[in-house]
């Protein structure tokens, strides 16, 4: 199960990268504030997901 949890981290990182690209495009395109906020929240939730995944993998490994 430890390997399954660790394999989710690259997927989360790809998501963070995509949200970051979307944020840059939204800022350049002068998008609405809610679009920019959605991108920021996507990035934030990605980092929370990485932290949660690492913590859960460590807990299940013990």
PDB file of N, CA and C in Angstrom:
ATOM      1  N   UNK A   1       0.822  -1.195   0.000  1.00  0.00           N
ATOM      2  CA  UNK A   1       0.000   0.000   0.000  1.00  0.00           C
ATOM      3  C   UNK A   1       0.865   1.258   0.000  1.00  0.00           C
ATOM      4  N   UNK A   2       2.061   1.159   0.584  1.00  0.00           N
ATOM      5  CA  UNK A   2       2.963   2.298   0.646  1.00  0.00           C
ATOM      6  C   UNK A   2       3.322   2.778  -0.752  1.00  0.00           C
ATOM      7  N   UNK A   3       3.572   1.847  -1.650  1.00  0.00           N
ATOM      8  CA  UNK A   3       3.935   2.217  -3.020  1.00  0.00           C
ATOM      9  C   UNK A   3       2.769   2.894  -3.729  1.00  0.00           C
ATOM     10  N   UNK A   4       1.542   2.465  -3.454  1.00  0.00           N
ATOM     11  CA  UNK A   4       0.371   3.072  -4.081  1.00  0.00           C
ATOM     12  C   UNK A   4       0.220   4.531  -3.679  1.00  0.00           C
ATOM     13  N   UNK A   5       0.476   4.831  -2.420  1.00  0.00           N
ATOM     14  CA  UNK A   5       0.343   6.199  -1.945  1.00  0.00           C
ATOM     15  C   UNK A   5       1.420   7.086  -2.542  1.00  0.00           C
ATOM     16  N   UNK A   6       2.631   6.564  -2.631  1.00  0.00           N
ATOM     17  CA  UNK A   6       3.735   7.350  -3.185  1.00  0.00           C
ATOM     18  C   UNK A   6       3.542   7.607  -4.670  1.00  0.00           C
ATOM     19  N   UNK A   7       2.868   6.696  -5.366  1.00  0.00           N
ATOM     20  CA  UNK A   7       2.672   6.888  -6.799  1.00  0.00           C
ATOM     21  C   UNK A   7       1.651   7.985  -7.092  1.00  0.00           C
ATOM     22  N   UNK A   8       0.927   8.428  -6.100  1.00  0.00           N
ATOM     23  CA  UNK A   8      -0.040   9.511  -6.293  1.00  0.00           C
ATOM     24  C   UNK A   8       0.639  10.873  -6.312  1.00  0.00           C
ATOM     25  N   UNK A   9       1.813  10.972  -5.742  1.00  0.00           N
ATOM     26  CA  UNK A   9       2.499  12.260  -5.648  1.00  0.00           C
ATOM     27  C   UNK A   9       2.833  12.847  -7.019  1.00  0.00           C
ATOM     28  N   UNK A  10       3.361  12.078  -7.981  1.00  0.00           N
ATOM     29  CA  UNK A  10       3.604  12.678  -9.307  1.00  0.00           C
ATOM     30  C   UNK A  10       2.331  13.191  -9.973  1.00  0.00           C
ATOM     31  N   UNK A  11       1.232  12.528  -9.762  1.00  0.00           N
ATOM     32  CA  UNK A  11      -0.042  12.982 -10.334  1.00  0.00           C
ATOM     33  C   UNK A  11      -0.448  14.317  -9.707  1.00  0.00           C
ATOM     34  N   UNK A  12      -0.267  14.439  -8.418  1.00  0.00           N
ATOM     35  CA  UNK A  12      -0.587  15.688  -7.730  1.00  0.00           C
ATOM     36  C   UNK A  12       0.328  16.809  -8.214  1.00  0.00           C
ATOM     37  N   UNK A  13       1.606  16.502  -8.412  1.00  0.00           N
ATOM     38  CA  UNK A  13       2.554  17.507  -8.896  1.00  0.00           C
ATOM     39  C   UNK A  13       2.171  17.987 -10.291  1.00  0.00           C
ATOM     40  N   UNK A  14       1.757  17.076 -11.147  1.00  0.00           N
ATOM     41  CA  UNK A  14       1.302  17.466 -12.490  1.00  0.00           C
ATOM     42  C   UNK A  14       0.095  18.397 -12.369  1.00  0.00           C
ATOM     43  N   UNK A  15      -0.806  18.092 -11.467  1.00  0.00           N
ATOM     44  CA  UNK A  15      -1.962  18.950 -11.251  1.00  0.00           C
ATOM     45  C   UNK A  15      -1.570  20.344 -10.794  1.00  0.00           C
ATOM     46  N   UNK A  16      -0.595  20.417  -9.887  1.00  0.00           N
ATOM     47  CA  UNK A  16      -0.113  21.716  -9.415  1.00  0.00           C
ATOM     48  C   UNK A  16       0.504  22.510 -10.564  1.00  0.00           C
ATOM     49  N   UNK A  17       1.274  21.838 -11.396  1.00  0.00           N
ATOM     50  CA  UNK A  17       1.896  22.505 -12.544  1.00  0.00           C
ATOM     51  C   UNK A  17       0.821  23.029 -13.499  1.00  0.00           C
ATOM     52  N   UNK A  18      -0.195  22.214 -13.763  1.00  0.00           N
ATOM     53  CA  UNK A  18      -1.271  22.655 -14.662  1.00  0.00           C
ATOM     54  C   UNK A  18      -2.047  23.836 -14.086  1.00  0.00           C
ATOM     55  N   UNK A  19      -2.323  23.810 -12.785  1.00  0.00           N
ATOM     56  CA  UNK A  19      -3.013  24.935 -12.158  1.00  0.00           C
ATOM     57  C   UNK A  19      -2.150  26.194 -12.201  1.00  0.00           C
ATOM     58  N   UNK A  20      -0.834  26.035 -12.054  1.00  0.00           N
ATOM     59  CA  UNK A  20       0.070  27.178 -12.125  1.00  0.00           C
ATOM     60  C   UNK A  20       0.067  27.786 -13.524  1.00  0.00           C
ATOM     61  N   UNK A  21       0.100  26.931 -14.547  1.00  0.00           N
ATOM     62  CA  UNK A  21       0.034  27.416 -15.928  1.00  0.00           C
ATOM     63  C   UNK A  21      -1.290  28.142 -16.160  1.00  0.00           C
ATOM     64  N   UNK A  22      -2.374  27.569 -15.660  1.00  0.00           N
ATOM     65  CA  UNK A  22      -3.684  28.210 -15.801  1.00  0.00           C
ATOM     66  C   UNK A  22      -3.707  29.560 -15.088  1.00  0.00           C
ATOM     67  N   UNK A  23      -3.050  29.649 -13.939  1.00  0.00           N
ATOM     68  CA  UNK A  23      -2.994  30.909 -13.200  1.00  0.00           C
ATOM     69  C   UNK A  23      -2.254  31.974 -13.997  1.00  0.00           C
ATOM     70  N   UNK A  24      -1.124  31.607 -14.567  1.00  0.00           N
ATOM     71  CA  UNK A  24      -0.352  32.567 -15.360  1.00  0.00           C
ATOM     72  C   UNK A  24      -1.172  33.045 -16.559  1.00  0.00           C
ATOM     73  N   UNK A  25      -1.829  32.121 -17.237  1.00  0.00           N
ATOM     74  CA  UNK A  25      -2.660  32.496 -18.385  1.00  0.00           C
ATOM     75  C   UNK A  25      -3.814  33.394 -17.946  1.00  0.00           C
ATOM     76  N   UNK A  26      -4.417  33.083 -16.810  1.00  0.00           N
ATOM     77  CA  UNK A  26      -5.529  33.896 -16.310  1.00  0.00           C
ATOM     78  C   UNK A  26      -5.068  35.306 -15.969  1.00  0.00           C
ATOM     79  N   UNK A  27      -3.892  35.424 -15.386  1.00  0.00           N
ATOM     80  CA  UNK A  27      -3.372  36.750 -15.044  1.00  0.00           C
ATOM     81  C   UNK A  27      -3.060  37.537 -16.313  1.00  0.00           C
ATOM     82  N   UNK A  28      -2.432  36.882 -17.283  1.00  0.00           N
ATOM     83  CA  UNK A  28      -2.109  37.557 -18.546  1.00  0.00           C
ATOM     84  C   UNK A  28      -3.374  37.982 -19.279  1.00  0.00           C
ATOM     85  N   UNK A  29      -4.409  37.130 -19.241  1.00  0.00           N
ATOM     86  CA  UNK A  29      -5.661  37.417 -19.952  1.00  0.00           C
ATOM     87  C   UNK A  29      -6.574  38.366 -19.181  1.00  0.00           C
ATOM     88  N   UNK A  30      -6.117  38.835 -18.019  1.00  0.00           N
ATOM     89  CA  UNK A  30      -6.933  39.724 -17.190  1.00  0.00           C
ATOM     90  C   UNK A  30      -8.277  39.087 -16.847  1.00  0.00           C
ATOM     91  N   UNK A  31      -8.225  37.876 -16.353  1.00  0.00           N
ATOM     92  CA  UNK A  31      -9.441  37.115 -16.035  1.00  0.00           C
ATOM     93  C   UNK A  31     -10.115  37.674 -14.783  1.00  0.00           C
ATOM     94  N   UNK A  32     -11.317  37.212 -14.568  1.00  0.00           N
ATOM     95  CA  UNK A  32     -12.067  37.589 -13.377  1.00  0.00           C
ATOM     96  C   UNK A  32     -11.356  37.077 -12.124  1.00  0.00           C
ATOM     97  N   UNK A  33     -11.637  37.733 -11.016  1.00  0.00           N
ATOM     98  CA  UNK A  33     -11.005  37.357  -9.753  1.00  0.00           C
ATOM     99  C   UNK A  33     -11.345  35.929  -9.349  1.00  0.00           C
ATOM    100  N   UNK A  34     -12.558  35.486  -9.636  1.00  0.00           N
ATOM    101  CA  UNK A  34     -12.927  34.128  -9.216  1.00  0.00           C
ATOM    102  C   UNK A  34     -12.168  33.070 -10.018  1.00  0.00           C
ATOM    103  N   UNK A  35     -11.777  33.369 -11.243  1.00  0.00           N
ATOM    104  CA  UNK A  35     -10.975  32.428 -12.025  1.00  0.00           C
ATOM    105  C   UNK A  35      -9.574  32.340 -11.433  1.00  0.00           C
ATOM    106  N   UNK A  36      -9.009  33.486 -11.092  1.00  0.00           N
ATOM    107  CA  UNK A  36      -7.677  33.508 -10.486  1.00  0.00           C
ATOM    108  C   UNK A  36      -7.709  32.816  -9.126  1.00  0.00           C
ATOM    109  N   UNK A  37      -8.747  33.071  -8.357  1.00  0.00           N
ATOM    110  CA  UNK A  37      -8.881  32.428  -7.048  1.00  0.00           C
ATOM    111  C   UNK A  37      -9.025  30.917  -7.189  1.00  0.00           C
ATOM    112  N   UNK A  38      -9.731  30.463  -8.199  1.00  0.00           N
ATOM    113  CA  UNK A  38      -9.875  29.027  -8.440  1.00  0.00           C
ATOM    114  C   UNK A  38      -8.511  28.391  -8.710  1.00  0.00           C
ATOM    115  N   UNK A  39      -7.689  29.056  -9.496  1.00  0.00           N
ATOM    116  CA  UNK A  39      -6.348  28.541  -9.779  1.00  0.00           C
ATOM    117  C   UNK A  39      -5.500  28.492  -8.508  1.00  0.00           C
ATOM    118  N   UNK A  40      -5.566  29.546  -7.721  1.00  0.00           N
ATOM    119  CA  UNK A  40      -4.796  29.588  -6.468  1.00  0.00           C
ATOM    120  C   UNK A  40      -5.255  28.486  -5.522  1.00  0.00           C
ATOM    121  N   UNK A  41      -6.560  28.279  -5.427  1.00  0.00           N
ATOM    122  CA  UNK A  41      -7.075  27.214  -4.555  1.00  0.00           C
ATOM    123  C   UNK A  41      -6.676  25.833  -5.073  1.00  0.00           C
ATOM    124  N   UNK A  42      -6.638  25.660  -6.387  1.00  0.00           N
ATOM    125  CA  UNK A  42      -6.180  24.390  -6.952  1.00  0.00           C
ATOM    126  C   UNK A  42      -4.740  24.094  -6.578  1.00  0.00           C
ATOM    127  N   UNK A  43      -3.896  25.115  -6.652  1.00  0.00           N
ATOM    128  CA  UNK A  43      -2.486  24.960  -6.271  1.00  0.00           C
ATOM    129  C   UNK A  43      -2.373  24.647  -4.780  1.00  0.00           C
ATOM    130  N   UNK A  44      -3.115  25.389  -3.972  1.00  0.00           N
ATOM    131  CA  UNK A  44      -3.079  25.187  -2.519  1.00  0.00           C
ATOM    132  C   UNK A  44      -3.542  23.780  -2.139  1.00  0.00           C
ATOM    133  N   UNK A  45      -4.631  23.337  -2.733  1.00  0.00           N
ATOM    134  CA  UNK A  45      -5.125  21.990  -2.434  1.00  0.00           C
ATOM    135  C   UNK A  45      -4.143  20.922  -2.912  1.00  0.00           C
ATOM    136  N   UNK A  46      -3.422  21.201  -3.968  1.00  0.00           N
ATOM    137  CA  UNK A  46      -2.394  20.261  -4.420  1.00  0.00           C
ATOM    138  C   UNK A  46      -1.303  20.084  -3.380  1.00  0.00           C
ATOM    139  N   UNK A  47      -0.837  21.199  -2.814  1.00  0.00           N
ATOM    140  CA  UNK A  47       0.197  21.104  -1.779  1.00  0.00           C
ATOM    141  C   UNK A  47      -0.339  20.420  -0.522  1.00  0.00           C
ATOM    142  N   UNK A  48      -1.581  20.683  -0.178  1.00  0.00           N
ATOM    143  CA  UNK A  48      -2.195  19.987   0.953  1.00  0.00           C
ATOM    144  C   UNK A  48      -2.278  18.487   0.648  1.00  0.00           C
ATOM    145  N   UNK A  49      -2.615  18.147  -0.592  1.00  0.00           N
ATOM    146  CA  UNK A  49      -2.696  16.743  -0.992  1.00  0.00           C
ATOM    147  C   UNK A  49      -1.362  16.025  -0.894  1.00  0.00           C
ATOM    148  N   UNK A  50      -0.284  16.704  -1.274  1.00  0.00           N
ATOM    149  CA  UNK A  50       1.048  16.100  -1.154  1.00  0.00           C
ATOM    150  C   UNK A  50       1.375  15.837   0.306  1.00  0.00           C
ATOM    151  N   UNK A  51       1.124  16.823   1.146  1.00  0.00           N
ATOM    152  CA  UNK A  51       1.398  16.667   2.577  1.00  0.00           C
ATOM    153  C   UNK A  51       0.583  15.510   3.165  1.00  0.00           C
ATOM    154  N   UNK A  52      -0.691  15.470   2.827  1.00  0.00           N
ATOM    155  CA  UNK A  52      -1.572  14.413   3.334  1.00  0.00           C
ATOM    156  C   UNK A  52      -1.113  13.036   2.843  1.00  0.00           C
ATOM    157  N   UNK A  53      -0.755  12.948   1.576  1.00  0.00           N
ATOM    158  CA  UNK A  53      -0.343  11.665   1.008  1.00  0.00           C
ATOM    159  C   UNK A  53       0.937  11.157   1.659  1.00  0.00           C
ATOM    160  N   UNK A  54       1.908  12.040   1.868  1.00  0.00           N
ATOM    161  CA  UNK A  54       3.161  11.633   2.522  1.00  0.00           C
ATOM    162  C   UNK A  54       2.905  11.192   3.965  1.00  0.00           C
ATOM    163  N   UNK A  55       2.078  11.962   4.673  1.00  0.00           N
ATOM    164  CA  UNK A  55       1.789  11.624   6.074  1.00  0.00           C
ATOM    165  C   UNK A  55       1.055  10.290   6.172  1.00  0.00           C
ATOM    166  N   UNK A  56       0.098  10.074   5.287  1.00  0.00           N
ATOM    167  CA  UNK A  56      -0.662   8.826   5.328  1.00  0.00           C
ATOM    168  C   UNK A  56       0.220   7.636   4.956  1.00  0.00           C
ATOM    169  N   UNK A  57       1.085   7.811   3.971  1.00  0.00           N
ATOM    170  CA  UNK A  57       1.988   6.721   3.583  1.00  0.00           C
ATOM    171  C   UNK A  57       2.941   6.364   4.716  1.00  0.00           C
ATOM    172  N   UNK A  58       3.417   7.391   5.429  1.00  0.00           N
ATOM    173  CA  UNK A  58       4.314   7.129   6.552  1.00  0.00           C
ATOM    174  C   UNK A  58       3.580   6.404   7.669  1.00  0.00           C
ATOM    175  N   UNK A  59       2.335   6.820   7.934  1.00  0.00           N
ATOM    176  CA  UNK A  59       1.551   6.209   9.010  1.00  0.00           C
ATOM    177  C   UNK A  59       1.238   4.752   8.695  1.00  0.00           C
ATOM    178  N   UNK A  60       0.900   4.462   7.421  1.00  0.00           N
ATOM    179  CA  UNK A  60       0.567   3.083   7.052  1.00  0.00           C
ATOM    180  C   UNK A  60       1.804   2.210   6.934  1.00  0.00           C
ATOM    181  N   UNK A  61       2.961   2.839   6.787  1.00  0.00           N
ATOM    182  CA  UNK A  61       4.204   2.078   6.724  1.00  0.00           C
ATOM    183  C   UNK A  61       4.662   1.590   8.084  1.00  0.00           C
ATOM    184  N   UNK A  62       4.216   2.249   9.139  1.00  0.00           N
ATOM    185  CA  UNK A  62       4.626   1.873  10.512  1.00  0.00           C
ATOM    186  C   UNK A  62       3.785   0.782  11.061  1.00  0.00           C
TER     187      UNK A  62
END
